[in-house]
Amino acid sequence: MNEITFDDFQKVDIRVGKIVRAEPFPEARKPAIKLWVDFGEQIGQKKSSAQITKHYAPESLVDRKVLAVVNFPPRQIGKFMSEILVLGVPDDDGEVVLIKPDLDVPIGGRLY
């Protein structure tokens, strides 16, 4: 594993957002869900494509708070532009489990 400096870490902007909309993404090569995440007034609403269908259905995601990298360049995923990277960790089978704050925190808060 390569070490990084604290300055390197500060370049990654990870924020708390609230999923306000979620839809199936049947056009994706791998099963995925389209997400619209609100990060508050400063950042606004951003979109993401997430391969999280093993543990999550679109309707169960609305109003869930998540952590996401908000300063990556957008990526075209089929006909959908993904603007953020919603963060998760693998379970025992390698399937994504979303990361969320364990207490209620305001959206837009930056990880430090």
PDB file of N, CA and C in Angstrom:
ATOM      1  N   MET A   1       0.846  -1.175   0.000  1.00  0.00           N
ATOM      2  CA  MET A   1       0.000   0.000   0.000  1.00  0.00           C
ATOM      3  C   MET A   1       0.894   1.241   0.000  1.00  0.00           C
ATOM      4  N   ASN A   2       0.563   2.195  -0.841  1.00  0.00           N
ATOM      5  CA  ASN A   2       1.318   3.438  -0.898  1.00  0.00           C
ATOM      6  C   ASN A   2       0.817   4.423   0.153  1.00  0.00           C
ATOM      7  N   GLU A   3       1.733   5.065   0.845  1.00  0.00           N
ATOM      8  CA  GLU A   3       1.352   6.098   1.798  1.00  0.00           C
ATOM      9  C   GLU A   3       1.030   7.378   1.055  1.00  0.00           C
ATOM     10  N   ILE A   4       0.104   8.165   1.620  1.00  0.00           N
ATOM     11  CA  ILE A   4      -0.206   9.479   1.083  1.00  0.00           C
ATOM     12  C   ILE A   4      -0.023  10.498   2.197  1.00  0.00           C
ATOM     13  N   THR A   5       0.044  11.746   1.818  1.00  0.00           N
ATOM     14  CA  THR A   5       0.160  12.803   2.818  1.00  0.00           C
ATOM     15  C   THR A   5      -1.233  13.279   3.205  1.00  0.00           C
ATOM     16  N   PHE A   6      -1.302  14.039   4.288  1.00  0.00           N
ATOM     17  CA  PHE A   6      -2.579  14.626   4.686  1.00  0.00           C
ATOM     18  C   PHE A   6      -3.089  15.564   3.604  1.00  0.00           C
ATOM     19  N   ASP A   7      -2.188  16.271   2.936  1.00  0.00           N
ATOM     20  CA  ASP A   7      -2.586  17.148   1.821  1.00  0.00           C
ATOM     21  C   ASP A   7      -3.231  16.341   0.701  1.00  0.00           C
ATOM     22  N   ASP A   8      -2.712  15.135   0.430  1.00  0.00           N
ATOM     23  CA  ASP A   8      -3.330  14.263  -0.572  1.00  0.00           C
ATOM     24  C   ASP A   8      -4.765  13.913  -0.155  1.00  0.00           C
ATOM     25  N   PHE A   9      -4.936  13.543   1.102  1.00  0.00           N
ATOM     26  CA  PHE A   9      -6.256  13.179   1.616  1.00  0.00           C
ATOM     27  C   PHE A   9      -7.234  14.342   1.471  1.00  0.00           C
ATOM     28  N   GLN A  10      -6.778  15.555   1.753  1.00  0.00           N
ATOM     29  CA  GLN A  10      -7.664  16.717   1.691  1.00  0.00           C
ATOM     30  C   GLN A  10      -8.128  17.033   0.271  1.00  0.00           C
ATOM     31  N   LYS A  11      -7.461  16.503  -0.729  1.00  0.00           N
ATOM     32  CA  LYS A  11      -7.886  16.715  -2.115  1.00  0.00           C
ATOM     33  C   LYS A  11      -9.166  15.952  -2.438  1.00  0.00           C
ATOM     34  N   VAL A  12      -9.447  14.883  -1.690  1.00  0.00           N
ATOM     35  CA  VAL A  12     -10.651  14.083  -1.920  1.00  0.00           C
ATOM     36  C   VAL A  12     -11.782  14.691  -1.090  1.00  0.00           C
ATOM     37  N   ASP A  13     -12.805  15.195  -1.772  1.00  0.00           N
ATOM     38  CA  ASP A  13     -13.928  15.855  -1.107  1.00  0.00           C
ATOM     39  C   ASP A  13     -15.064  14.853  -0.923  1.00  0.00           C
ATOM     40  N   ILE A  14     -15.173  14.312   0.294  1.00  0.00           N
ATOM     41  CA  ILE A  14     -16.204  13.333   0.636  1.00  0.00           C
ATOM     42  C   ILE A  14     -17.252  14.028   1.484  1.00  0.00           C
ATOM     43  N   ARG A  15     -18.509  13.961   1.032  1.00  0.00           N
ATOM     44  CA  ARG A  15     -19.606  14.676   1.696  1.00  0.00           C
ATOM     45  C   ARG A  15     -20.763  13.739   2.021  1.00  0.00           C
ATOM     46  N   VAL A  16     -21.588  14.186   2.973  1.00  0.00           N
ATOM     47  CA  VAL A  16     -22.835  13.502   3.309  1.00  0.00           C
ATOM     48  C   VAL A  16     -23.923  14.043   2.388  1.00  0.00           C
ATOM     49  N   GLY A  17     -24.645  13.132   1.771  1.00  0.00           N
ATOM     50  CA  GLY A  17     -25.775  13.522   0.941  1.00  0.00           C
ATOM     51  C   GLY A  17     -26.975  12.662   1.259  1.00  0.00           C
ATOM     52  N   LYS A  18     -28.137  13.122   0.805  1.00  0.00           N
ATOM     53  CA  LYS A  18     -29.376  12.364   1.001  1.00  0.00           C
ATOM     54  C   LYS A  18     -29.922  11.976  -0.370  1.00  0.00           C
ATOM     55  N   ILE A  19     -30.180  10.698  -0.546  1.00  0.00           N
ATOM     56  CA  ILE A  19     -30.752  10.220  -1.801  1.00  0.00           C
ATOM     57  C   ILE A  19     -32.189  10.728  -1.896  1.00  0.00           C
ATOM     58  N   VAL A  20     -32.464  11.470  -2.965  1.00  0.00           N
ATOM     59  CA  VAL A  20     -33.804  12.036  -3.150  1.00  0.00           C
ATOM     60  C   VAL A  20     -34.587  11.328  -4.249  1.00  0.00           C
ATOM     61  N   ARG A  21     -33.880  10.550  -5.064  1.00  0.00           N
ATOM     62  CA  ARG A  21     -34.525   9.819  -6.157  1.00  0.00           C
ATOM     63  C   ARG A  21     -33.640   8.625  -6.513  1.00  0.00           C
ATOM     64  N   ALA A  22     -34.270   7.497  -6.826  1.00  0.00           N
ATOM     65  CA  ALA A  22     -33.540   6.299  -7.228  1.00  0.00           C
ATOM     66  C   ALA A  22     -34.382   5.538  -8.243  1.00  0.00           C
ATOM     67  N   GLU A  23     -33.732   5.105  -9.329  1.00  0.00           N
ATOM     68  CA  GLU A  23     -34.428   4.383 -10.394  1.00  0.00           C
ATOM     69  C   GLU A  23     -33.576   3.213 -10.870  1.00  0.00           C
ATOM     70  N   PRO A  24     -34.223   2.152 -11.333  1.00  0.00           N
ATOM     71  CA  PRO A  24     -33.456   1.069 -11.957  1.00  0.00           C
ATOM     72  C   PRO A  24     -32.690   1.605 -13.163  1.00  0.00           C
ATOM     73  N   PHE A  25     -31.587   0.955 -13.480  1.00  0.00           N
ATOM     74  CA  PHE A  25     -30.764   1.347 -14.631  1.00  0.00           C
ATOM     75  C   PHE A  25     -30.572   0.106 -15.514  1.00  0.00           C
ATOM     76  N   PRO A  26     -31.639  -0.319 -16.202  1.00  0.00           N
ATOM     77  CA  PRO A  26     -31.568  -1.566 -16.973  1.00  0.00           C
ATOM     78  C   PRO A  26     -30.597  -1.513 -18.153  1.00  0.00           C
ATOM     79  N   GLU A  27     -30.256  -0.319 -18.633  1.00  0.00           N
ATOM     80  CA  GLU A  27     -29.341  -0.187 -19.771  1.00  0.00           C
ATOM     81  C   GLU A  27     -27.879  -0.416 -19.386  1.00  0.00           C
ATOM     82  N   ALA A  28     -27.574  -0.395 -18.113  1.00  0.00           N
ATOM     83  CA  ALA A  28     -26.188  -0.571 -17.651  1.00  0.00           C
ATOM     84  C   ALA A  28     -25.698  -1.986 -17.969  1.00  0.00           C
ATOM     85  N   ARG A  29     -24.389  -2.114 -18.246  1.00  0.00           N
ATOM     86  CA  ARG A  29     -23.811  -3.434 -18.535  1.00  0.00           C
ATOM     87  C   ARG A  29     -23.917  -4.375 -17.341  1.00  0.00           C
ATOM     88  N   LYS A  30     -23.657  -3.838 -16.144  1.00  0.00           N
ATOM     89  CA  LYS A  30     -23.823  -4.606 -14.912  1.00  0.00           C
ATOM     90  C   LYS A  30     -25.022  -4.019 -14.177  1.00  0.00           C
ATOM     91  N   PRO A  31     -25.787  -4.836 -13.443  1.00  0.00           N
ATOM     92  CA  PRO A  31     -26.968  -4.310 -12.750  1.00  0.00           C
ATOM     93  C   PRO A  31     -26.614  -3.094 -11.881  1.00  0.00           C
ATOM     94  N   ALA A  32     -27.400  -2.034 -12.029  1.00  0.00           N
ATOM     95  CA  ALA A  32     -27.109  -0.790 -11.313  1.00  0.00           C
ATOM     96  C   ALA A  32     -28.398  -0.033 -11.034  1.00  0.00           C
ATOM     97  N   ILE A  33     -28.254   0.976 -10.196  1.00  0.00           N
ATOM     98  CA  ILE A  33     -29.358   1.870  -9.854  1.00  0.00           C
ATOM     99  C   ILE A  33     -28.885   3.300 -10.091  1.00  0.00           C
ATOM    100  N   LYS A  34     -29.732   4.120 -10.713  1.00  0.00           N
ATOM    101  CA  LYS A  34     -29.452   5.551 -10.871  1.00  0.00           C
ATOM    102  C   LYS A  34     -29.866   6.251  -9.583  1.00  0.00           C
ATOM    103  N   LEU A  35     -28.977   7.095  -9.076  1.00  0.00           N
ATOM    104  CA  LEU A  35     -29.238   7.825  -7.840  1.00  0.00           C
ATOM    105  C   LEU A  35     -29.130   9.324  -8.079  1.00  0.00           C
ATOM    106  N   TRP A  36     -30.000  10.080  -7.431  1.00  0.00           N
ATOM    107  CA  TRP A  36     -29.905  11.532  -7.370  1.00  0.00           C
ATOM    108  C   TRP A  36     -29.717  11.867  -5.897  1.00  0.00           C
ATOM    109  N   VAL A  37     -28.599  12.520  -5.576  1.00  0.00           N
ATOM    110  CA  VAL A  37     -28.222  12.755  -4.182  1.00  0.00           C
ATOM    111  C   VAL A  37     -28.124  14.255  -3.937  1.00  0.00           C
ATOM    112  N   ASP A  38     -28.793  14.717  -2.883  1.00  0.00           N
ATOM    113  CA  ASP A  38     -28.780  16.134  -2.516  1.00  0.00           C
ATOM    114  C   ASP A  38     -27.708  16.368  -1.461  1.00  0.00           C
ATOM    115  N   PHE A  39     -26.796  17.307  -1.758  1.00  0.00           N
ATOM    116  CA  PHE A  39     -25.720  17.658  -0.837  1.00  0.00           C
ATOM    117  C   PHE A  39     -25.920  19.038  -0.211  1.00  0.00           C
ATOM    118  N   GLY A  40     -27.097  19.605  -0.353  1.00  0.00           N
ATOM    119  CA  GLY A  40     -27.362  20.901   0.246  1.00  0.00           C
ATOM    120  C   GLY A  40     -27.066  22.052  -0.693  1.00  0.00           C
ATOM    121  N   GLU A  41     -27.239  23.238  -0.162  1.00  0.00           N
ATOM    122  CA  GLU A  41     -27.166  24.463  -0.948  1.00  0.00           C
ATOM    123  C   GLU A  41     -25.825  24.680  -1.649  1.00  0.00           C
ATOM    124  N   GLN A  42     -24.724  24.403  -0.984  1.00  0.00           N
ATOM    125  CA  GLN A  42     -23.397  24.680  -1.548  1.00  0.00           C
ATOM    126  C   GLN A  42     -23.084  23.824  -2.780  1.00  0.00           C
ATOM    127  N   ILE A  43     -23.435  22.550  -2.752  1.00  0.00           N
ATOM    128  CA  ILE A  43     -23.097  21.626  -3.834  1.00  0.00           C
ATOM    129  C   ILE A  43     -24.300  21.309  -4.706  1.00  0.00           C
ATOM    130  N   GLY A  44     -25.473  21.218  -4.111  1.00  0.00           N
ATOM    131  CA  GLY A  44     -26.682  20.910  -4.855  1.00  0.00           C
ATOM    132  C   GLY A  44     -26.884  19.421  -5.048  1.00  0.00           C
ATOM    133  N   GLN A  45     -27.663  19.089  -6.057  1.00  0.00           N
ATOM    134  CA  GLN A  45     -28.009  17.705  -6.354  1.00  0.00           C
ATOM    135  C   GLN A  45     -27.076  17.154  -7.431  1.00  0.00           C
ATOM    136  N   LYS A  46     -26.577  15.945  -7.221  1.00  0.00           N
ATOM    137  CA  LYS A  46     -25.674  15.280  -8.160  1.00  0.00           C
ATOM    138  C   LYS A  46     -26.194  13.871  -8.439  1.00  0.00           C
ATOM    139  N   LYS A  47     -25.792  13.320  -9.591  1.00  0.00           N
ATOM    140  CA  LYS A  47     -26.254  11.995 -10.015  1.00  0.00           C
ATOM    141  C   LYS A  47     -25.125  10.974  -9.935  1.00  0.00           C
ATOM    142  N   SER A  48     -25.533   9.716  -9.751  1.00  0.00           N
ATOM    143  CA  SER A  48     -24.562   8.625  -9.725  1.00  0.00           C
ATOM    144  C   SER A  48     -25.216   7.346 -10.227  1.00  0.00           C
ATOM    145  N   SER A  49     -24.417   6.495 -10.831  1.00  0.00           N
ATOM    146  CA  SER A  49     -24.822   5.138 -11.165  1.00  0.00           C
ATOM    147  C   SER A  49     -24.104   4.234 -10.179  1.00  0.00           C
ATOM    148  N   ALA A  50     -24.855   3.388  -9.478  1.00  0.00           N
ATOM    149  CA  ALA A  50     -24.252   2.557  -8.435  1.00  0.00           C
ATOM    150  C   ALA A  50     -24.635   1.090  -8.618  1.00  0.00           C
ATOM    151  N   GLN A  51     -23.646   0.218  -8.584  1.00  0.00           N
ATOM    152  CA  GLN A  51     -23.874  -1.222  -8.702  1.00  0.00           C
ATOM    153  C   GLN A  51     -24.164  -1.796  -7.318  1.00  0.00           C
ATOM    154  N   ILE A  52     -25.380  -1.535  -6.859  1.00  0.00           N
ATOM    155  CA  ILE A  52     -25.770  -1.881  -5.489  1.00  0.00           C
ATOM    156  C   ILE A  52     -27.050  -2.712  -5.452  1.00  0.00           C
ATOM    157  N   THR A  53     -27.387  -3.373  -6.563  1.00  0.00           N
ATOM    158  CA  THR A  53     -28.677  -4.060  -6.662  1.00  0.00           C
ATOM    159  C   THR A  53     -28.791  -5.312  -5.791  1.00  0.00           C
ATOM    160  N   LYS A  54     -27.687  -5.861  -5.340  1.00  0.00           N
ATOM    161  CA  LYS A  54     -27.734  -7.078  -4.512  1.00  0.00           C
ATOM    162  C   LYS A  54     -28.444  -6.813  -3.177  1.00  0.00           C
ATOM    163  N   HIS A  55     -28.149  -5.671  -2.545  1.00  0.00           N
ATOM    164  CA  HIS A  55     -28.699  -5.386  -1.215  1.00  0.00           C
ATOM    165  C   HIS A  55     -29.771  -4.300  -1.193  1.00  0.00           C
ATOM    166  N   TYR A  56     -29.943  -3.585  -2.310  1.00  0.00           N
ATOM    167  CA  TYR A  56     -30.832  -2.415  -2.290  1.00  0.00           C
ATOM    168  C   TYR A  56     -31.783  -2.409  -3.479  1.00  0.00           C
ATOM    169  N   ALA A  57     -33.016  -2.014  -3.221  1.00  0.00           N
ATOM    170  CA  ALA A  57     -34.007  -1.742  -4.261  1.00  0.00           C
ATOM    171  C   ALA A  57     -34.157  -0.221  -4.335  1.00  0.00           C
ATOM    172  N   PRO A  58     -34.438   0.317  -5.516  1.00  0.00           N
ATOM    173  CA  PRO A  58     -34.532   1.781  -5.640  1.00  0.00           C
ATOM    174  C   PRO A  58     -35.454   2.423  -4.598  1.00  0.00           C
ATOM    175  N   GLU A  59     -36.613   1.836  -4.365  1.00  0.00           N
ATOM    176  CA  GLU A  59     -37.572   2.447  -3.435  1.00  0.00           C
ATOM    177  C   GLU A  59     -37.074   2.459  -1.987  1.00  0.00           C
ATOM    178  N   SER A  60     -36.140   1.579  -1.637  1.00  0.00           N
ATOM    179  CA  SER A  60     -35.620   1.548  -0.267  1.00  0.00           C
ATOM    180  C   SER A  60     -34.522   2.586  -0.030  1.00  0.00           C
ATOM    181  N   LEU A  61     -34.063   3.228  -1.096  1.00  0.00           N
ATOM    182  CA  LEU A  61     -32.927   4.145  -0.981  1.00  0.00           C
ATOM    183  C   LEU A  61     -33.313   5.601  -0.753  1.00  0.00           C
ATOM    184  N   VAL A  62     -34.523   5.981  -1.130  1.00  0.00           N
ATOM    185  CA  VAL A  62     -34.947   7.381  -0.996  1.00  0.00           C
ATOM    186  C   VAL A  62     -34.937   7.776   0.480  1.00  0.00           C
ATOM    187  N   ASP A  63     -34.355   8.923   0.755  1.00  0.00           N
ATOM    188  CA  ASP A  63     -34.196   9.518   2.099  1.00  0.00           C
ATOM    189  C   ASP A  63     -33.022   8.925   2.887  1.00  0.00           C
ATOM    190  N   ARG A  64     -32.294   7.972   2.323  1.00  0.00           N
ATOM    191  CA  ARG A  64     -31.120   7.401   2.987  1.00  0.00           C
ATOM    192  C   ARG A  64     -29.948   8.372   2.841  1.00  0.00           C
ATOM    193  N   LYS A  65     -29.215   8.572   3.912  1.00  0.00           N
ATOM    194  CA  LYS A  65     -27.994   9.376   3.843  1.00  0.00           C
ATOM    195  C   LYS A  65     -26.824   8.480   3.478  1.00  0.00           C
ATOM    196  N   VAL A  66     -25.928   9.009   2.632  1.00  0.00           N
ATOM    197  CA  VAL A  66     -24.770   8.268   2.149  1.00  0.00           C
ATOM    198  C   VAL A  66     -23.557   9.191   2.136  1.00  0.00           C
ATOM    199  N   LEU A  67     -22.384   8.593   2.002  1.00  0.00           N
ATOM    200  CA  LEU A  67     -21.158   9.352   1.793  1.00  0.00           C
ATOM    201  C   LEU A  67     -20.748   9.193   0.338  1.00  0.00           C
ATOM    202  N   ALA A  68     -20.249  10.285  -0.254  1.00  0.00           N
ATOM    203  CA  ALA A  68     -19.859  10.236  -1.661  1.00  0.00           C
ATOM    204  C   ALA A  68     -18.707  11.190  -1.932  1.00  0.00           C
ATOM    205  N   VAL A  69     -17.866  10.815  -2.892  1.00  0.00           N
ATOM    206  CA  VAL A  69     -16.821  11.706  -3.398  1.00  0.00           C
ATOM    207  C   VAL A  69     -17.502  12.631  -4.405  1.00  0.00           C
ATOM    208  N   VAL A  70     -17.390  13.937  -4.161  1.00  0.00           N
ATOM    209  CA  VAL A  70     -18.101  14.903  -5.006  1.00  0.00           C
ATOM    210  C   VAL A  70     -17.188  15.669  -5.955  1.00  0.00           C
ATOM    211  N   ASN A  71     -15.873  15.410  -5.915  1.00  0.00           N
ATOM    212  CA  ASN A  71     -14.969  16.195  -6.776  1.00  0.00           C
ATOM    213  C   ASN A  71     -14.215  15.357  -7.804  1.00  0.00           C
ATOM    214  N   PHE A  72     -14.752  14.189  -8.177  1.00  0.00           N
ATOM    215  CA  PHE A  72     -14.235  13.467  -9.336  1.00  0.00           C
ATOM    216  C   PHE A  72     -14.837  14.076 -10.590  1.00  0.00           C
ATOM    217  N   PRO A  73     -14.156  13.976 -11.733  1.00  0.00           N
ATOM    218  CA  PRO A  73     -14.788  14.439 -12.973  1.00  0.00           C
ATOM    219  C   PRO A  73     -15.961  13.521 -13.331  1.00  0.00           C
ATOM    220  N   PRO A  74     -16.996  14.047 -13.980  1.00  0.00           N
ATOM    221  CA  PRO A  74     -18.137  13.207 -14.386  1.00  0.00           C
ATOM    222  C   PRO A  74     -17.699  12.095 -15.331  1.00  0.00           C
ATOM    223  N   ARG A  75     -18.433  10.966 -15.274  1.00  0.00           N
ATOM    224  CA  ARG A  75     -18.165   9.818 -16.158  1.00  0.00           C
ATOM    225  C   ARG A  75     -19.459   9.438 -16.867  1.00  0.00           C
ATOM    226  N   GLN A  76     -19.351   9.221 -18.151  1.00  0.00           N
ATOM    227  CA  GLN A  76     -20.502   8.779 -18.930  1.00  0.00           C
ATOM    228  C   GLN A  76     -20.678   7.277 -18.730  1.00  0.00           C
ATOM    229  N   ILE A  77     -21.853   6.871 -18.235  1.00  0.00           N
ATOM    230  CA  ILE A  77     -22.193   5.460 -18.050  1.00  0.00           C
ATOM    231  C   ILE A  77     -23.393   5.194 -18.960  1.00  0.00           C
ATOM    232  N   GLY A  78     -23.136   4.689 -20.144  1.00  0.00           N
ATOM    233  CA  GLY A  78     -24.210   4.552 -21.128  1.00  0.00           C
ATOM    234  C   GLY A  78     -24.730   5.933 -21.489  1.00  0.00           C
ATOM    235  N   LYS A  79     -26.040   6.110 -21.376  1.00  0.00           N
ATOM    236  CA  LYS A  79     -26.652   7.415 -21.663  1.00  0.00           C
ATOM    237  C   LYS A  79     -26.789   8.270 -20.401  1.00  0.00           C
ATOM    238  N   PHE A  80     -26.183   7.851 -19.309  1.00  0.00           N
ATOM    239  CA  PHE A  80     -26.325   8.527 -18.012  1.00  0.00           C
ATOM    240  C   PHE A  80     -24.980   9.112 -17.594  1.00  0.00           C
ATOM    241  N   MET A  81     -24.980  10.356 -17.144  1.00  0.00           N
ATOM    242  CA  MET A  81     -23.757  11.014 -16.673  1.00  0.00           C
ATOM    243  C   MET A  81     -23.673  10.871 -15.158  1.00  0.00           C
ATOM    244  N   SER A  82     -22.667  10.141 -14.692  1.00  0.00           N
ATOM    245  CA  SER A  82     -22.441   9.949 -13.265  1.00  0.00           C
ATOM    246  C   SER A  82     -21.488  11.037 -12.780  1.00  0.00           C
ATOM    247  N   GLU A  83     -21.924  11.821 -11.787  1.00  0.00           N
ATOM    248  CA  GLU A  83     -21.168  12.988 -11.330  1.00  0.00           C
ATOM    249  C   GLU A  83     -20.442  12.781 -10.012  1.00  0.00           C
ATOM    250  N   ILE A  84     -20.810  11.757  -9.276  1.00  0.00           N
ATOM    251  CA  ILE A  84     -20.230  11.496  -7.953  1.00  0.00           C
ATOM    252  C   ILE A  84     -19.957  10.004  -7.804  1.00  0.00           C
ATOM    253  N   LEU A  85     -19.173   9.659  -6.789  1.00  0.00           N
ATOM    254  CA  LEU A  85     -18.933   8.260  -6.451  1.00  0.00           C
ATOM    255  C   LEU A  85     -19.502   8.014  -5.057  1.00  0.00           C
ATOM    256  N   VAL A  86     -20.622   7.281  -5.000  1.00  0.00           N
ATOM    257  CA  VAL A  86     -21.218   6.915  -3.719  1.00  0.00           C
ATOM    258  C   VAL A  86     -20.358   5.800  -3.140  1.00  0.00           C
ATOM    259  N   LEU A  87     -20.014   5.920  -1.859  1.00  0.00           N
ATOM    260  CA  LEU A  87     -19.047   5.011  -1.242  1.00  0.00           C
ATOM    261  C   LEU A  87     -19.701   3.815  -0.551  1.00  0.00           C
ATOM    262  N   GLY A  88     -19.020   2.686  -0.659  1.00  0.00           N
ATOM    263  CA  GLY A  88     -19.462   1.472  -0.005  1.00  0.00           C
ATOM    264  C   GLY A  88     -18.272   0.571   0.263  1.00  0.00           C
ATOM    265  N   VAL A  89     -18.519  -0.500   0.961  1.00  0.00           N
ATOM    266  CA  VAL A  89     -17.501  -1.513   1.243  1.00  0.00           C
ATOM    267  C   VAL A  89     -18.084  -2.877   0.876  1.00  0.00           C
ATOM    268  N   PRO A  90     -17.206  -3.850   0.551  1.00  0.00           N
ATOM    269  CA  PRO A  90     -17.720  -5.165   0.162  1.00  0.00           C
ATOM    270  C   PRO A  90     -18.142  -6.003   1.365  1.00  0.00           C
ATOM    271  N   ASP A  91     -19.227  -6.772   1.152  1.00  0.00           N
ATOM    272  CA  ASP A  91     -19.594  -7.765   2.161  1.00  0.00           C
ATOM    273  C   ASP A  91     -18.759  -9.029   1.910  1.00  0.00           C
ATOM    274  N   ASP A  92     -19.092 -10.131   2.569  1.00  0.00           N
ATOM    275  CA  ASP A  92     -18.326 -11.379   2.413  1.00  0.00           C
ATOM    276  C   ASP A  92     -18.329 -11.912   0.986  1.00  0.00           C
ATOM    277  N   ASP A  93     -19.352 -11.544   0.203  1.00  0.00           N
ATOM    278  CA  ASP A  93     -19.460 -12.005  -1.181  1.00  0.00           C
ATOM    279  C   ASP A  93     -18.952 -10.973  -2.185  1.00  0.00           C
ATOM    280  N   GLY A  94     -18.402  -9.859  -1.704  1.00  0.00           N
ATOM    281  CA  GLY A  94     -17.899  -8.823  -2.586  1.00  0.00           C
ATOM    282  C   GLY A  94     -18.965  -7.871  -3.088  1.00  0.00           C
ATOM    283  N   GLU A  95     -20.164  -7.944  -2.533  1.00  0.00           N
ATOM    284  CA  GLU A  95     -21.259  -7.048  -2.936  1.00  0.00           C
ATOM    285  C   GLU A  95     -21.206  -5.763  -2.112  1.00  0.00           C
ATOM    286  N   VAL A  96     -21.584  -4.650  -2.731  1.00  0.00           N
ATOM    287  CA  VAL A  96     -21.450  -3.335  -2.103  1.00  0.00           C
ATOM    288  C   VAL A  96     -22.479  -3.122  -0.992  1.00  0.00           C
ATOM    289  N   VAL A  97     -21.976  -2.652   0.151  1.00  0.00           N
ATOM    290  CA  VAL A  97     -22.797  -2.187   1.268  1.00  0.00           C
ATOM    291  C   VAL A  97     -22.483  -0.705   1.430  1.00  0.00           C
ATOM    292  N   LEU A  98     -23.499   0.134   1.338  1.00  0.00           N
ATOM    293  CA  LEU A  98     -23.297   1.578   1.396  1.00  0.00           C
ATOM    294  C   LEU A  98     -22.794   2.040   2.758  1.00  0.00           C
ATOM    295  N   ILE A  99     -21.980   3.081   2.735  1.00  0.00           N
ATOM    296  CA  ILE A  99     -21.490   3.711   3.967  1.00  0.00           C
ATOM    297  C   ILE A  99     -22.395   4.886   4.288  1.00  0.00           C
ATOM    298  N   LYS A 100     -22.789   5.000   5.560  1.00  0.00           N
ATOM    299  CA  LYS A 100     -23.632   6.117   5.989  1.00  0.00           C
ATOM    300  C   LYS A 100     -23.228   6.535   7.396  1.00  0.00           C
ATOM    301  N   PRO A 101     -23.533   7.781   7.763  1.00  0.00           N
ATOM    302  CA  PRO A 101     -23.253   8.207   9.143  1.00  0.00           C
ATOM    303  C   PRO A 101     -24.115   7.398  10.115  1.00  0.00           C
ATOM    304  N   ASP A 102     -23.582   7.121  11.297  1.00  0.00           N
ATOM    305  CA  ASP A 102     -24.378   6.358  12.264  1.00  0.00           C
ATOM    306  C   ASP A 102     -25.239   7.246  13.162  1.00  0.00           C
ATOM    307  N   LEU A 103     -25.083   8.560  13.053  1.00  0.00           N
ATOM    308  CA  LEU A 103     -25.958   9.519  13.730  1.00  0.00           C
ATOM    309  C   LEU A 103     -26.506  10.480  12.693  1.00  0.00           C
ATOM    310  N   ASP A 104     -27.576  11.196  13.050  1.00  0.00           N
ATOM    311  CA  ASP A 104     -28.158  12.154  12.120  1.00  0.00           C
ATOM    312  C   ASP A 104     -27.246  13.376  12.005  1.00  0.00           C
ATOM    313  N   VAL A 105     -26.788  13.651  10.799  1.00  0.00           N
ATOM    314  CA  VAL A 105     -25.920  14.802  10.533  1.00  0.00           C
ATOM    315  C   VAL A 105     -26.503  15.576   9.356  1.00  0.00           C
ATOM    316  N   PRO A 106     -26.196  16.871   9.247  1.00  0.00           N
ATOM    317  CA  PRO A 106     -26.726  17.645   8.135  1.00  0.00           C
ATOM    318  C   PRO A 106     -26.079  17.241   6.816  1.00  0.00           C
ATOM    319  N   ILE A 107     -26.866  17.316   5.737  1.00  0.00           N
ATOM    320  CA  ILE A 107     -26.309  17.024   4.425  1.00  0.00           C
ATOM    321  C   ILE A 107     -25.296  18.112   4.044  1.00  0.00           C
ATOM    322  N   GLY A 108     -24.338  17.724   3.237  1.00  0.00           N
ATOM    323  CA  GLY A 108     -23.297  18.635   2.811  1.00  0.00           C
ATOM    324  C   GLY A 108     -22.065  18.609   3.685  1.00  0.00           C
ATOM    325  N   GLY A 109     -22.143  17.975   4.853  1.00  0.00           N
ATOM    326  CA  GLY A 109     -20.997  17.914   5.755  1.00  0.00           C
ATOM    327  C   GLY A 109     -19.846  17.168   5.131  1.00  0.00           C
ATOM    328  N   ARG A 110     -18.640  17.687   5.317  1.00  0.00           N
ATOM    329  CA  ARG A 110     -17.444  17.080   4.725  1.00  0.00           C
ATOM    330  C   ARG A 110     -16.774  16.118   5.706  1.00  0.00           C
ATOM    331  N   LEU A 111     -16.347  14.993   5.194  1.00  0.00           N
ATOM    332  CA  LEU A 111     -15.604  14.016   5.985  1.00  0.00           C
ATOM    333  C   LEU A 111     -14.231  14.570   6.331  1.00  0.00           C
ATOM    334  N   TYR A 112     -13.841  14.438   7.578  1.00  0.00           N
ATOM    335  CA  TYR A 112     -12.485  14.801   8.006  1.00  0.00           C
ATOM    336  C   TYR A 112     -12.032  13.895   9.106  1.00  0.00           C
TER     337      TYR A 112
END
